[in-house]
Amino acid sequence: MGYGLQDPPTLITKLRCFKSNNKVINFQSYPCDSTWLYTNATNLGDNQLSIVPNPTSDYIQILEIEKDLPFELYNMQGEKVNSGISKNGKIHILDKGVFILKVKFENRYFINRILRF
C-alpha cells in the first residue's frame, strides 16, 4: 500500500504518494512528504482516542472525546469514500470492506484501519 499504512506500527511515519503502472494516488490536500501520526486502537500514546467496535457491521464510535471530530474515510485503493464530522462520536460506515479512517484531533491526524463486514 505504501510507507506509513502497512508498515509495523510506529508513532510517526512519512506518508508518500502511491504509484503503480496506471495510477498515482495522493491523499487530497496533503503533500507526499507530510508527517502523519500512525495509530491503532491499542497503541495510542498519551491521547486516549479509542475507536470501537472494529470490525463493525454498521458504525464506529470514538470513545472518551467530548466533541465531534472531522474525519475522512478511504478505501484500499486510496480513494476518499466519505468525509465529514462525527455525530455524537459515531461514524457510519456504509459499504463493506477494509478502510483507512483519518480523524483529526488536537491538530494531529490519527489513522486506523477499519473493517466493515
PDB file of N, CA and C in Angstrom:
ATOM      1  N   MET A   1       0.816  -1.193   0.000  1.00  0.00           N
ATOM      2  CA  MET A   1       0.000   0.000   0.000  1.00  0.00           C
ATOM      3  C   MET A   1       0.853   1.246   0.000  1.00  0.00           C
ATOM      4  N   GLY A   2       1.918   1.288   0.723  1.00  0.00           N
ATOM      5  CA  GLY A   2       2.753   2.478   0.783  1.00  0.00           C
ATOM      6  C   GLY A   2       3.286   2.665   2.171  1.00  0.00           C
ATOM      7  N   TYR A   3       4.376   3.313   2.297  1.00  0.00           N
ATOM      8  CA  TYR A   3       5.011   3.506   3.588  1.00  0.00           C
ATOM      9  C   TYR A   3       4.093   4.287   4.512  1.00  0.00           C
ATOM     10  N   GLY A   4       3.910   3.815   5.716  1.00  0.00           N
ATOM     11  CA  GLY A   4       3.072   4.506   6.683  1.00  0.00           C
ATOM     12  C   GLY A   4       1.712   3.872   6.881  1.00  0.00           C
ATOM     13  N   LEU A   5       1.247   3.021   5.953  1.00  0.00           N
ATOM     14  CA  LEU A   5      -0.068   2.412   6.120  1.00  0.00           C
ATOM     15  C   LEU A   5       0.015   0.909   6.374  1.00  0.00           C
ATOM     16  N   GLN A   6       1.009   0.225   5.851  1.00  0.00           N
ATOM     17  CA  GLN A   6       1.106  -1.207   6.028  1.00  0.00           C
ATOM     18  C   GLN A   6       2.344  -1.610   6.821  1.00  0.00           C
ATOM     19  N   ASP A   7       3.174  -0.669   7.200  1.00  0.00           N
ATOM     20  CA  ASP A   7       4.404  -0.980   7.902  1.00  0.00           C
ATOM     21  C   ASP A   7       4.144  -1.258   9.370  1.00  0.00           C
ATOM     22  N   PRO A   8       5.110  -1.812  10.094  1.00  0.00           N
ATOM     23  CA  PRO A   8       4.923  -2.043  11.525  1.00  0.00           C
ATOM     24  C   PRO A   8       4.549  -0.744  12.236  1.00  0.00           C
ATOM     25  N   PRO A   9       3.713  -0.803  13.272  1.00  0.00           N
ATOM     26  CA  PRO A   9       3.259   0.402  13.952  1.00  0.00           C
ATOM     27  C   PRO A   9       4.415   1.172  14.580  1.00  0.00           C
ATOM     28  N   THR A  10       4.513   2.427  14.207  1.00  0.00           N
ATOM     29  CA  THR A  10       5.417   3.372  14.831  1.00  0.00           C
ATOM     30  C   THR A  10       4.612   4.638  15.024  1.00  0.00           C
ATOM     31  N   LEU A  11       5.052   5.492  15.905  1.00  0.00           N
ATOM     32  CA  LEU A  11       4.230   6.668  16.180  1.00  0.00           C
ATOM     33  C   LEU A  11       4.221   7.674  15.044  1.00  0.00           C
ATOM     34  N   ILE A  12       5.349   7.957  14.413  1.00  0.00           N
ATOM     35  CA  ILE A  12       5.360   8.939  13.334  1.00  0.00           C
ATOM     36  C   ILE A  12       6.064   8.336  12.134  1.00  0.00           C
ATOM     37  N   THR A  13       5.411   8.426  10.973  1.00  0.00           N
ATOM     38  CA  THR A  13       5.987   7.929   9.737  1.00  0.00           C
ATOM     39  C   THR A  13       5.803   8.978   8.659  1.00  0.00           C
ATOM     40  N   LYS A  14       6.524   8.841   7.569  1.00  0.00           N
ATOM     41  CA  LYS A  14       6.359   9.724   6.421  1.00  0.00           C
ATOM     42  C   LYS A  14       5.351   9.113   5.465  1.00  0.00           C
ATOM     43  N   LEU A  15       4.393   9.893   5.027  1.00  0.00           N
ATOM     44  CA  LEU A  15       3.410   9.440   4.060  1.00  0.00           C
ATOM     45  C   LEU A  15       3.894   9.855   2.683  1.00  0.00           C
ATOM     46  N   ARG A  16       3.873   8.930   1.736  1.00  0.00           N
ATOM     47  CA  ARG A  16       4.331   9.198   0.379  1.00  0.00           C
ATOM     48  C   ARG A  16       3.213   8.940  -0.605  1.00  0.00           C
ATOM     49  N   CYS A  17       3.428   9.371  -1.833  1.00  0.00           N
ATOM     50  CA  CYS A  17       2.472   9.077  -2.897  1.00  0.00           C
ATOM     51  C   CYS A  17       2.460   7.587  -3.169  1.00  0.00           C
ATOM     52  N   PHE A  18       1.324   7.095  -3.625  1.00  0.00           N
ATOM     53  CA  PHE A  18       1.187   5.707  -4.032  1.00  0.00           C
ATOM     54  C   PHE A  18       1.193   5.689  -5.550  1.00  0.00           C
ATOM     55  N   LYS A  19       2.096   4.921  -6.134  1.00  0.00           N
ATOM     56  CA  LYS A  19       2.206   4.878  -7.592  1.00  0.00           C
ATOM     57  C   LYS A  19       2.181   3.435  -8.068  1.00  0.00           C
ATOM     58  N   SER A  20       1.477   3.224  -9.167  1.00  0.00           N
ATOM     59  CA  SER A  20       1.503   1.943  -9.841  1.00  0.00           C
ATOM     60  C   SER A  20       1.688   2.228 -11.325  1.00  0.00           C
ATOM     61  N   ASN A  21       1.633   1.193 -12.143  1.00  0.00           N
ATOM     62  CA  ASN A  21       1.828   1.391 -13.580  1.00  0.00           C
ATOM     63  C   ASN A  21       0.768   2.273 -14.210  1.00  0.00           C
ATOM     64  N   ASN A  22      -0.447   2.253 -13.662  1.00  0.00           N
ATOM     65  CA  ASN A  22      -1.540   3.000 -14.296  1.00  0.00           C
ATOM     66  C   ASN A  22      -2.228   4.003 -13.381  1.00  0.00           C
ATOM     67  N   LYS A  23      -1.739   4.188 -12.162  1.00  0.00           N
ATOM     68  CA  LYS A  23      -2.450   5.069 -11.243  1.00  0.00           C
ATOM     69  C   LYS A  23      -1.489   5.728 -10.268  1.00  0.00           C
ATOM     70  N   VAL A  24      -1.719   7.012  -9.984  1.00  0.00           N
ATOM     71  CA  VAL A  24      -0.993   7.733  -8.950  1.00  0.00           C
ATOM     72  C   VAL A  24      -2.021   8.184  -7.928  1.00  0.00           C
ATOM     73  N   ILE A  25      -1.802   7.846  -6.662  1.00  0.00           N
ATOM     74  CA  ILE A  25      -2.757   8.181  -5.617  1.00  0.00           C
ATOM     75  C   ILE A  25      -2.062   9.054  -4.583  1.00  0.00           C
ATOM     76  N   ASN A  26      -2.687  10.155  -4.216  1.00  0.00           N
ATOM     77  CA  ASN A  26      -2.183  11.046  -3.179  1.00  0.00           C
ATOM     78  C   ASN A  26      -3.381  11.471  -2.345  1.00  0.00           C
ATOM     79  N   PHE A  27      -3.240  11.456  -1.022  1.00  0.00           N
ATOM     80  CA  PHE A  27      -4.350  11.908  -0.194  1.00  0.00           C
ATOM     81  C   PHE A  27      -4.590  13.384  -0.455  1.00  0.00           C
ATOM     82  N   GLN A  28      -5.818  13.721  -0.650  1.00  0.00           N
ATOM     83  CA  GLN A  28      -6.229  15.055  -1.036  1.00  0.00           C
ATOM     84  C   GLN A  28      -5.755  16.102  -0.037  1.00  0.00           C
ATOM     85  N   SER A  29      -5.168  17.158  -0.537  1.00  0.00           N
ATOM     86  CA  SER A  29      -4.713  18.352   0.184  1.00  0.00           C
ATOM     87  C   SER A  29      -3.529  18.113   1.116  1.00  0.00           C
ATOM     88  N   TYR A  30      -2.852  16.969   1.017  1.00  0.00           N
ATOM     89  CA  TYR A  30      -1.654  16.731   1.800  1.00  0.00           C
ATOM     90  C   TYR A  30      -0.514  16.352   0.874  1.00  0.00           C
ATOM     91  N   PRO A  31       0.593  17.099   0.889  1.00  0.00           N
ATOM     92  CA  PRO A  31       1.716  16.733   0.031  1.00  0.00           C
ATOM     93  C   PRO A  31       2.313  15.399   0.451  1.00  0.00           C
ATOM     94  N   CYS A  32       3.026  14.777  -0.452  1.00  0.00           N
ATOM     95  CA  CYS A  32       3.576  13.435  -0.214  1.00  0.00           C
ATOM     96  C   CYS A  32       4.528  13.385   0.971  1.00  0.00           C
ATOM     97  N   ASP A  33       5.168  14.459   1.311  1.00  0.00           N
ATOM     98  CA  ASP A  33       6.143  14.443   2.398  1.00  0.00           C
ATOM     99  C   ASP A  33       5.574  14.889   3.741  1.00  0.00           C
ATOM    100  N   SER A  34       4.248  14.968   3.858  1.00  0.00           N
ATOM    101  CA  SER A  34       3.647  15.345   5.138  1.00  0.00           C
ATOM    102  C   SER A  34       3.920  14.286   6.189  1.00  0.00           C
ATOM    103  N   THR A  35       4.061  14.699   7.429  1.00  0.00           N
ATOM    104  CA  THR A  35       4.225  13.766   8.535  1.00  0.00           C
ATOM    105  C   THR A  35       2.867  13.500   9.138  1.00  0.00           C
ATOM    106  N   TRP A  36       2.528  12.226   9.278  1.00  0.00           N
ATOM    107  CA  TRP A  36       1.256  11.828   9.860  1.00  0.00           C
ATOM    108  C   TRP A  36       1.517  11.005  11.092  1.00  0.00           C
ATOM    109  N   LEU A  37       0.560  10.985  11.984  1.00  0.00           N
ATOM    110  CA  LEU A  37       0.634  10.139  13.162  1.00  0.00           C
ATOM    111  C   LEU A  37      -0.053   8.826  12.853  1.00  0.00           C
ATOM    112  N   TYR A  38       0.637   7.716  13.020  1.00  0.00           N
ATOM    113  CA  TYR A  38       0.082   6.388  12.767  1.00  0.00           C
ATOM    114  C   TYR A  38      -0.329   5.795  14.107  1.00  0.00           C
ATOM    115  N   THR A  39      -1.572   5.393  14.211  1.00  0.00           N
ATOM    116  CA  THR A  39      -2.025   4.789  15.462  1.00  0.00           C
ATOM    117  C   THR A  39      -2.972   3.654  15.158  1.00  0.00           C
ATOM    118  N   ASN A  40      -3.225   2.880  16.148  1.00  0.00           N
ATOM    119  CA  ASN A  40      -4.331   1.939  16.112  1.00  0.00           C
ATOM    120  C   ASN A  40      -4.960   1.951  17.491  1.00  0.00           C
ATOM    121  N   ALA A  41      -6.016   1.214  17.688  1.00  0.00           N
ATOM    122  CA  ALA A  41      -6.764   1.299  18.944  1.00  0.00           C
ATOM    123  C   ALA A  41      -5.981   0.791  20.148  1.00  0.00           C
ATOM    124  N   THR A  42      -4.874   0.098  19.940  1.00  0.00           N
ATOM    125  CA  THR A  42      -4.110  -0.432  21.065  1.00  0.00           C
ATOM    126  C   THR A  42      -2.784   0.282  21.277  1.00  0.00           C
ATOM    127  N   ASN A  43      -2.415   1.226  20.424  1.00  0.00           N
ATOM    128  CA  ASN A  43      -1.130   1.905  20.543  1.00  0.00           C
ATOM    129  C   ASN A  43      -1.329   3.393  20.282  1.00  0.00           C
ATOM    130  N   LEU A  44      -1.807   4.111  21.288  1.00  0.00           N
ATOM    131  CA  LEU A  44      -2.191   5.495  21.079  1.00  0.00           C
ATOM    132  C   LEU A  44      -1.313   6.509  21.781  1.00  0.00           C
ATOM    133  N   GLY A  45      -0.361   6.096  22.581  1.00  0.00           N
ATOM    134  CA  GLY A  45       0.473   7.056  23.272  1.00  0.00           C
ATOM    135  C   GLY A  45      -0.307   7.777  24.353  1.00  0.00           C
ATOM    136  N   ASP A  46      -0.089   9.088  24.471  1.00  0.00           N
ATOM    137  CA  ASP A  46      -0.699   9.869  25.537  1.00  0.00           C
ATOM    138  C   ASP A  46      -2.182  10.146  25.323  1.00  0.00           C
ATOM    139  N   ASN A  47      -2.626  10.261  24.086  1.00  0.00           N
ATOM    140  CA  ASN A  47      -4.037  10.544  23.834  1.00  0.00           C
ATOM    141  C   ASN A  47      -4.842   9.260  23.908  1.00  0.00           C
ATOM    142  N   GLN A  48      -5.946   9.302  24.610  1.00  0.00           N
ATOM    143  CA  GLN A  48      -6.803   8.132  24.767  1.00  0.00           C
ATOM    144  C   GLN A  48      -7.924   8.185  23.741  1.00  0.00           C
ATOM    145  N   LEU A  49      -7.559   8.099  22.469  1.00  0.00           N
ATOM    146  CA  LEU A  49      -8.532   8.074  21.384  1.00  0.00           C
ATOM    147  C   LEU A  49      -8.803   6.623  21.022  1.00  0.00           C
ATOM    148  N   SER A  50      -9.957   6.120  21.396  1.00  0.00           N
ATOM    149  CA  SER A  50     -10.313   4.722  21.148  1.00  0.00           C
ATOM    150  C   SER A  50     -11.457   4.660  20.150  1.00  0.00           C
ATOM    151  N   ILE A  51     -11.336   3.765  19.185  1.00  0.00           N
ATOM    152  CA  ILE A  51     -12.362   3.589  18.169  1.00  0.00           C
ATOM    153  C   ILE A  51     -12.868   2.162  18.259  1.00  0.00           C
ATOM    154  N   VAL A  52     -14.166   2.011  18.528  1.00  0.00           N
ATOM    155  CA  VAL A  52     -14.790   0.692  18.686  1.00  0.00           C
ATOM    156  C   VAL A  52     -16.147   0.678  17.991  1.00  0.00           C
ATOM    157  N   PRO A  53     -16.733  -0.423  17.642  1.00  0.00           N
ATOM    158  CA  PRO A  53     -16.074  -1.719  17.519  1.00  0.00           C
ATOM    159  C   PRO A  53     -15.313  -1.785  16.210  1.00  0.00           C
ATOM    160  N   ASN A  54     -14.315  -2.582  16.174  1.00  0.00           N
ATOM    161  CA  ASN A  54     -13.551  -2.789  14.956  1.00  0.00           C
ATOM    162  C   ASN A  54     -13.068  -4.230  14.943  1.00  0.00           C
ATOM    163  N   PRO A  55     -13.643  -5.072  14.127  1.00  0.00           N
ATOM    164  CA  PRO A  55     -14.527  -4.813  12.984  1.00  0.00           C
ATOM    165  C   PRO A  55     -15.939  -4.413  13.412  1.00  0.00           C
ATOM    166  N   THR A  56     -16.668  -3.838  12.467  1.00  0.00           N
ATOM    167  CA  THR A  56     -18.014  -3.349  12.727  1.00  0.00           C
ATOM    168  C   THR A  56     -18.975  -3.858  11.664  1.00  0.00           C
ATOM    169  N   SER A  57     -20.263  -3.793  11.977  1.00  0.00           N
ATOM    170  CA  SER A  57     -21.281  -4.146  10.988  1.00  0.00           C
ATOM    171  C   SER A  57     -22.090  -2.929  10.555  1.00  0.00           C
ATOM    172  N   ASP A  58     -21.828  -1.749  11.160  1.00  0.00           N
ATOM    173  CA  ASP A  58     -22.639  -0.577  10.851  1.00  0.00           C
ATOM    174  C   ASP A  58     -21.866   0.728  11.070  1.00  0.00           C
ATOM    175  N   TYR A  59     -21.482   1.006  12.281  1.00  0.00           N
ATOM    176  CA  TYR A  59     -20.834   2.269  12.615  1.00  0.00           C
ATOM    177  C   TYR A  59     -19.699   2.008  13.599  1.00  0.00           C
ATOM    178  N   ILE A  60     -18.841   3.036  13.734  1.00  0.00           N
ATOM    179  CA  ILE A  60     -17.804   3.005  14.758  1.00  0.00           C
ATOM    180  C   ILE A  60     -18.049   4.166  15.707  1.00  0.00           C
ATOM    181  N   GLN A  61     -17.548   4.049  16.891  1.00  0.00           N
ATOM    182  CA  GLN A  61     -17.729   5.048  17.940  1.00  0.00           C
ATOM    183  C   GLN A  61     -16.351   5.497  18.407  1.00  0.00           C
ATOM    184  N   ILE A  62     -16.138   6.826  18.475  1.00  0.00           N
ATOM    185  CA  ILE A  62     -14.916   7.379  19.047  1.00  0.00           C
ATOM    186  C   ILE A  62     -15.202   7.616  20.516  1.00  0.00           C
ATOM    187  N   LEU A  63     -14.488   6.916  21.385  1.00  0.00           N
ATOM    188  CA  LEU A  63     -14.743   6.980  22.821  1.00  0.00           C
ATOM    189  C   LEU A  63     -13.888   8.044  23.501  1.00  0.00           C
ATOM    190  N   GLU A  64     -14.361   8.491  24.657  1.00  0.00           N
ATOM    191  CA  GLU A  64     -13.624   9.364  25.570  1.00  0.00           C
ATOM    192  C   GLU A  64     -13.301  10.735  25.001  1.00  0.00           C
ATOM    193  N   ILE A  65     -14.028  11.167  23.973  1.00  0.00           N
ATOM    194  CA  ILE A  65     -13.865  12.501  23.398  1.00  0.00           C
ATOM    195  C   ILE A  65     -15.210  13.203  23.519  1.00  0.00           C
ATOM    196  N   GLU A  66     -15.202  14.414  24.051  1.00  0.00           N
ATOM    197  CA  GLU A  66     -16.461  15.117  24.320  1.00  0.00           C
ATOM    198  C   GLU A  66     -16.979  15.922  23.146  1.00  0.00           C
ATOM    199  N   LYS A  67     -16.219  16.006  22.058  1.00  0.00           N
ATOM    200  CA  LYS A  67     -16.695  16.773  20.909  1.00  0.00           C
ATOM    201  C   LYS A  67     -16.598  15.908  19.662  1.00  0.00           C
ATOM    202  N   ASP A  68     -17.372  16.288  18.649  1.00  0.00           N
ATOM    203  CA  ASP A  68     -17.318  15.576  17.382  1.00  0.00           C
ATOM    204  C   ASP A  68     -16.081  16.003  16.617  1.00  0.00           C
ATOM    205  N   LEU A  69     -15.532  15.076  15.839  1.00  0.00           N
ATOM    206  CA  LEU A  69     -14.257  15.295  15.175  1.00  0.00           C
ATOM    207  C   LEU A  69     -14.395  15.137  13.664  1.00  0.00           C
ATOM    208  N   PRO A  70     -13.625  15.930  12.890  1.00  0.00           N
ATOM    209  CA  PRO A  70     -13.625  15.742  11.442  1.00  0.00           C
ATOM    210  C   PRO A  70     -12.929  14.434  11.077  1.00  0.00           C
ATOM    211  N   PHE A  71     -13.430  13.790  10.022  1.00  0.00           N
ATOM    212  CA  PHE A  71     -12.859  12.519   9.587  1.00  0.00           C
ATOM    213  C   PHE A  71     -12.876  12.412   8.073  1.00  0.00           C
ATOM    214  N   GLU A  72     -12.035  11.548   7.561  1.00  0.00           N
ATOM    215  CA  GLU A  72     -12.041  11.151   6.158  1.00  0.00           C
ATOM    216  C   GLU A  72     -11.896   9.635   6.122  1.00  0.00           C
ATOM    217  N   LEU A  73     -12.614   8.997   5.213  1.00  0.00           N
ATOM    218  CA  LEU A  73     -12.585   7.546   5.078  1.00  0.00           C
ATOM    219  C   LEU A  73     -12.146   7.211   3.656  1.00  0.00           C
ATOM    220  N   TYR A  74     -11.102   6.371   3.536  1.00  0.00           N
ATOM    221  CA  TYR A  74     -10.543   5.992   2.248  1.00  0.00           C
ATOM    222  C   TYR A  74     -10.681   4.493   2.044  1.00  0.00           C
ATOM    223  N   ASN A  75     -10.940   4.087   0.801  1.00  0.00           N
ATOM    224  CA  ASN A  75     -10.928   2.657   0.501  1.00  0.00           C
ATOM    225  C   ASN A  75      -9.484   2.219   0.296  1.00  0.00           C
ATOM    226  N   MET A  76      -9.264   0.944   0.056  1.00  0.00           N
ATOM    227  CA  MET A  76      -7.900   0.431  -0.055  1.00  0.00           C
ATOM    228  C   MET A  76      -7.219   0.829  -1.359  1.00  0.00           C
ATOM    229  N   GLN A  77      -7.954   1.444  -2.273  1.00  0.00           N
ATOM    230  CA  GLN A  77      -7.347   1.991  -3.480  1.00  0.00           C
ATOM    231  C   GLN A  77      -6.916   3.444  -3.278  1.00  0.00           C
ATOM    232  N   GLY A  78      -7.121   3.980  -2.070  1.00  0.00           N
ATOM    233  CA  GLY A  78      -6.730   5.351  -1.756  1.00  0.00           C
ATOM    234  C   GLY A  78      -7.754   6.394  -2.143  1.00  0.00           C
ATOM    235  N   GLU A  79      -8.944   5.974  -2.536  1.00  0.00           N
ATOM    236  CA  GLU A  79      -9.990   6.910  -2.931  1.00  0.00           C
ATOM    237  C   GLU A  79     -10.841   7.288  -1.724  1.00  0.00           C
ATOM    238  N   LYS A  80     -11.100   8.585  -1.575  1.00  0.00           N
ATOM    239  CA  LYS A  80     -11.946   9.040  -0.475  1.00  0.00           C
ATOM    240  C   LYS A  80     -13.380   8.618  -0.744  1.00  0.00           C
ATOM    241  N   VAL A  81     -13.977   7.881   0.196  1.00  0.00           N
ATOM    242  CA  VAL A  81     -15.348   7.406   0.031  1.00  0.00           C
ATOM    243  C   VAL A  81     -16.332   8.129   0.942  1.00  0.00           C
ATOM    244  N   ASN A  82     -15.821   8.819   1.962  1.00  0.00           N
ATOM    245  CA  ASN A  82     -16.700   9.549   2.872  1.00  0.00           C
ATOM    246  C   ASN A  82     -15.858  10.540   3.662  1.00  0.00           C
ATOM    247  N   SER A  83     -16.475  11.625   4.067  1.00  0.00           N
ATOM    248  CA  SER A  83     -15.824  12.598   4.950  1.00  0.00           C
ATOM    249  C   SER A  83     -16.912  13.392   5.652  1.00  0.00           C
ATOM    250  N   GLY A  84     -16.534  14.042   6.731  1.00  0.00           N
ATOM    251  CA  GLY A  84     -17.496  14.842   7.475  1.00  0.00           C
ATOM    252  C   GLY A  84     -17.052  15.015   8.906  1.00  0.00           C
ATOM    253  N   ILE A  85     -18.026  15.156   9.772  1.00  0.00           N
ATOM    254  CA  ILE A  85     -17.777  15.308  11.206  1.00  0.00           C
ATOM    255  C   ILE A  85     -18.596  14.234  11.914  1.00  0.00           C
ATOM    256  N   SER A  86     -17.969  13.570  12.875  1.00  0.00           N
ATOM    257  CA  SER A  86     -18.690  12.531  13.613  1.00  0.00           C
ATOM    258  C   SER A  86     -19.915  13.129  14.299  1.00  0.00           C
ATOM    259  N   LYS A  87     -20.938  12.338  14.477  1.00  0.00           N
ATOM    260  CA  LYS A  87     -22.179  12.757  15.149  1.00  0.00           C
ATOM    261  C   LYS A  87     -22.287  11.999  16.458  1.00  0.00           C
ATOM    262  N   ASN A  88     -22.185  12.714  17.576  1.00  0.00           N
ATOM    263  CA  ASN A  88     -22.171  12.089  18.899  1.00  0.00           C
ATOM    264  C   ASN A  88     -21.071  11.033  18.993  1.00  0.00           C
ATOM    265  N   GLY A  89     -19.956  11.296  18.320  1.00  0.00           N
ATOM    266  CA  GLY A  89     -18.825  10.382  18.326  1.00  0.00           C
ATOM    267  C   GLY A  89     -18.964   9.201  17.397  1.00  0.00           C
ATOM    268  N   LYS A  90     -20.064   9.122  16.630  1.00  0.00           N
ATOM    269  CA  LYS A  90     -20.298   7.972  15.750  1.00  0.00           C
ATOM    270  C   LYS A  90     -20.011   8.338  14.293  1.00  0.00           C
ATOM    271  N   ILE A  91     -19.468   7.353  13.575  1.00  0.00           N
ATOM    272  CA  ILE A  91     -19.249   7.471  12.139  1.00  0.00           C
ATOM    273  C   ILE A  91     -19.844   6.229  11.496  1.00  0.00           C
ATOM    274  N   HIS A  92     -20.799   6.424  10.595  1.00  0.00           N
ATOM    275  CA  HIS A  92     -21.419   5.292   9.905  1.00  0.00           C
ATOM    276  C   HIS A  92     -20.543   4.882   8.726  1.00  0.00           C
ATOM    277  N   ILE A  93     -20.297   3.594   8.624  1.00  0.00           N
ATOM    278  CA  ILE A  93     -19.536   3.020   7.514  1.00  0.00           C
ATOM    279  C   ILE A  93     -20.563   2.349   6.610  1.00  0.00           C
ATOM    280  N   LEU A  94     -20.786   2.913   5.423  1.00  0.00           N
ATOM    281  CA  LEU A  94     -21.890   2.471   4.575  1.00  0.00           C
ATOM    282  C   LEU A  94     -21.605   1.186   3.818  1.00  0.00           C
ATOM    283  N   ASP A  95     -20.392   1.029   3.306  1.00  0.00           N
ATOM    284  CA  ASP A  95     -20.069  -0.128   2.474  1.00  0.00           C
ATOM    285  C   ASP A  95     -19.251  -1.145   3.248  1.00  0.00           C
ATOM    286  N   LYS A  96     -19.299  -2.393   2.808  1.00  0.00           N
ATOM    287  CA  LYS A  96     -18.482  -3.444   3.406  1.00  0.00           C
ATOM    288  C   LYS A  96     -17.081  -3.376   2.814  1.00  0.00           C
ATOM    289  N   GLY A  97     -16.090  -3.702   3.638  1.00  0.00           N
ATOM    290  CA  GLY A  97     -14.718  -3.732   3.155  1.00  0.00           C
ATOM    291  C   GLY A  97     -13.736  -3.274   4.214  1.00  0.00           C
ATOM    292  N   VAL A  98     -12.504  -3.063   3.777  1.00  0.00           N
ATOM    293  CA  VAL A  98     -11.443  -2.558   4.641  1.00  0.00           C
ATOM    294  C   VAL A  98     -11.186  -1.115   4.252  1.00  0.00           C
ATOM    295  N   PHE A  99     -11.091  -0.243   5.246  1.00  0.00           N
ATOM    296  CA  PHE A  99     -10.937   1.185   5.007  1.00  0.00           C
ATOM    297  C   PHE A  99      -9.837   1.761   5.883  1.00  0.00           C
ATOM    298  N   ILE A 100      -9.356   2.923   5.477  1.00  0.00           N
ATOM    299  CA  ILE A 100      -8.432   3.713   6.282  1.00  0.00           C
ATOM    300  C   ILE A 100      -9.219   4.918   6.782  1.00  0.00           C
ATOM    301  N   LEU A 101      -9.311   5.059   8.088  1.00  0.00           N
ATOM    302  CA  LEU A 101     -10.010   6.174   8.714  1.00  0.00           C
ATOM    303  C   LEU A 101      -8.991   7.174   9.211  1.00  0.00           C
ATOM    304  N   LYS A 102      -9.147   8.426   8.821  1.00  0.00           N
ATOM    305  CA  LYS A 102      -8.276   9.504   9.267  1.00  0.00           C
ATOM    306  C   LYS A 102      -9.125  10.466  10.099  1.00  0.00           C
ATOM    307  N   VAL A 103      -8.770  10.643  11.366  1.00  0.00           N
ATOM    308  CA  VAL A 103      -9.513  11.511  12.281  1.00  0.00           C
ATOM    309  C   VAL A 103      -8.579  12.612  12.755  1.00  0.00           C
ATOM    310  N   LYS A 104      -9.060  13.869  12.705  1.00  0.00           N
ATOM    311  CA  LYS A 104      -8.269  14.998  13.194  1.00  0.00           C
ATOM    312  C   LYS A 104      -8.650  15.280  14.640  1.00  0.00           C
ATOM    313  N   PHE A 105      -7.635  15.298  15.503  1.00  0.00           N
ATOM    314  CA  PHE A 105      -7.848  15.558  16.919  1.00  0.00           C
ATOM    315  C   PHE A 105      -6.638  16.311  17.461  1.00  0.00           C
ATOM    316  N   GLU A 106      -6.879  17.473  18.041  1.00  0.00           N
ATOM    317  CA  GLU A 106      -5.826  18.307  18.621  1.00  0.00           C
ATOM    318  C   GLU A 106      -4.678  18.543  17.645  1.00  0.00           C
ATOM    319  N   ASN A 107      -5.019  18.984  16.422  1.00  0.00           N
ATOM    320  CA  ASN A 107      -4.051  19.344  15.380  1.00  0.00           C
ATOM    321  C   ASN A 107      -3.161  18.192  14.944  1.00  0.00           C
ATOM    322  N   ARG A 108      -3.596  16.957  15.178  1.00  0.00           N
ATOM    323  CA  ARG A 108      -2.885  15.777  14.691  1.00  0.00           C
ATOM    324  C   ARG A 108      -3.883  14.863  14.014  1.00  0.00           C
ATOM    325  N   TYR A 109      -3.384  13.983  13.176  1.00  0.00           N
ATOM    326  CA  TYR A 109      -4.231  13.022  12.490  1.00  0.00           C
ATOM    327  C   TYR A 109      -3.967  11.631  13.038  1.00  0.00           C
ATOM    328  N   PHE A 110      -5.026  10.950  13.374  1.00  0.00           N
ATOM    329  CA  PHE A 110      -4.955   9.560  13.815  1.00  0.00           C
ATOM    330  C   PHE A 110      -5.502   8.697  12.687  1.00  0.00           C
ATOM    331  N   ILE A 111      -4.765   7.665  12.347  1.00  0.00           N
ATOM    332  CA  ILE A 111      -5.147   6.804  11.235  1.00  0.00           C
ATOM    333  C   ILE A 111      -5.371   5.393  11.752  1.00  0.00           C
ATOM    334  N   ASN A 112      -6.515   4.842  11.410  1.00  0.00           N
ATOM    335  CA  ASN A 112      -6.872   3.475  11.818  1.00  0.00           C
ATOM    336  C   ASN A 112      -7.360   2.691  10.615  1.00  0.00           C
ATOM    337  N   ARG A 113      -7.076   1.420  10.596  1.00  0.00           N
ATOM    338  CA  ARG A 113      -7.690   0.511   9.630  1.00  0.00           C
ATOM    339  C   ARG A 113      -9.022   0.071  10.217  1.00  0.00           C
ATOM    340  N   ILE A 114     -10.063   0.127   9.407  1.00  0.00           N
ATOM    341  CA  ILE A 114     -11.409  -0.236   9.843  1.00  0.00           C
ATOM    342  C   ILE A 114     -11.923  -1.348   8.932  1.00  0.00           C
ATOM    343  N   LEU A 115     -12.505  -2.374   9.533  1.00  0.00           N
ATOM    344  CA  LEU A 115     -13.121  -3.451   8.764  1.00  0.00           C
ATOM    345  C   LEU A 115     -14.628  -3.418   8.997  1.00  0.00           C
ATOM    346  N   ARG A 116     -15.386  -3.314   7.886  1.00  0.00           N
ATOM    347  CA  ARG A 116     -16.842  -3.402   7.990  1.00  0.00           C
ATOM    348  C   ARG A 116     -17.278  -4.662   7.259  1.00  0.00           C
ATOM    349  N   PHE A 117     -18.021  -5.509   7.979  1.00  0.00           N
ATOM    350  CA  PHE A 117     -18.476  -6.766   7.379  1.00  0.00           C
ATOM    351  C   PHE A 117     -19.953  -6.746   7.120  1.00  0.00           C
TER     352      PHE A 117
END
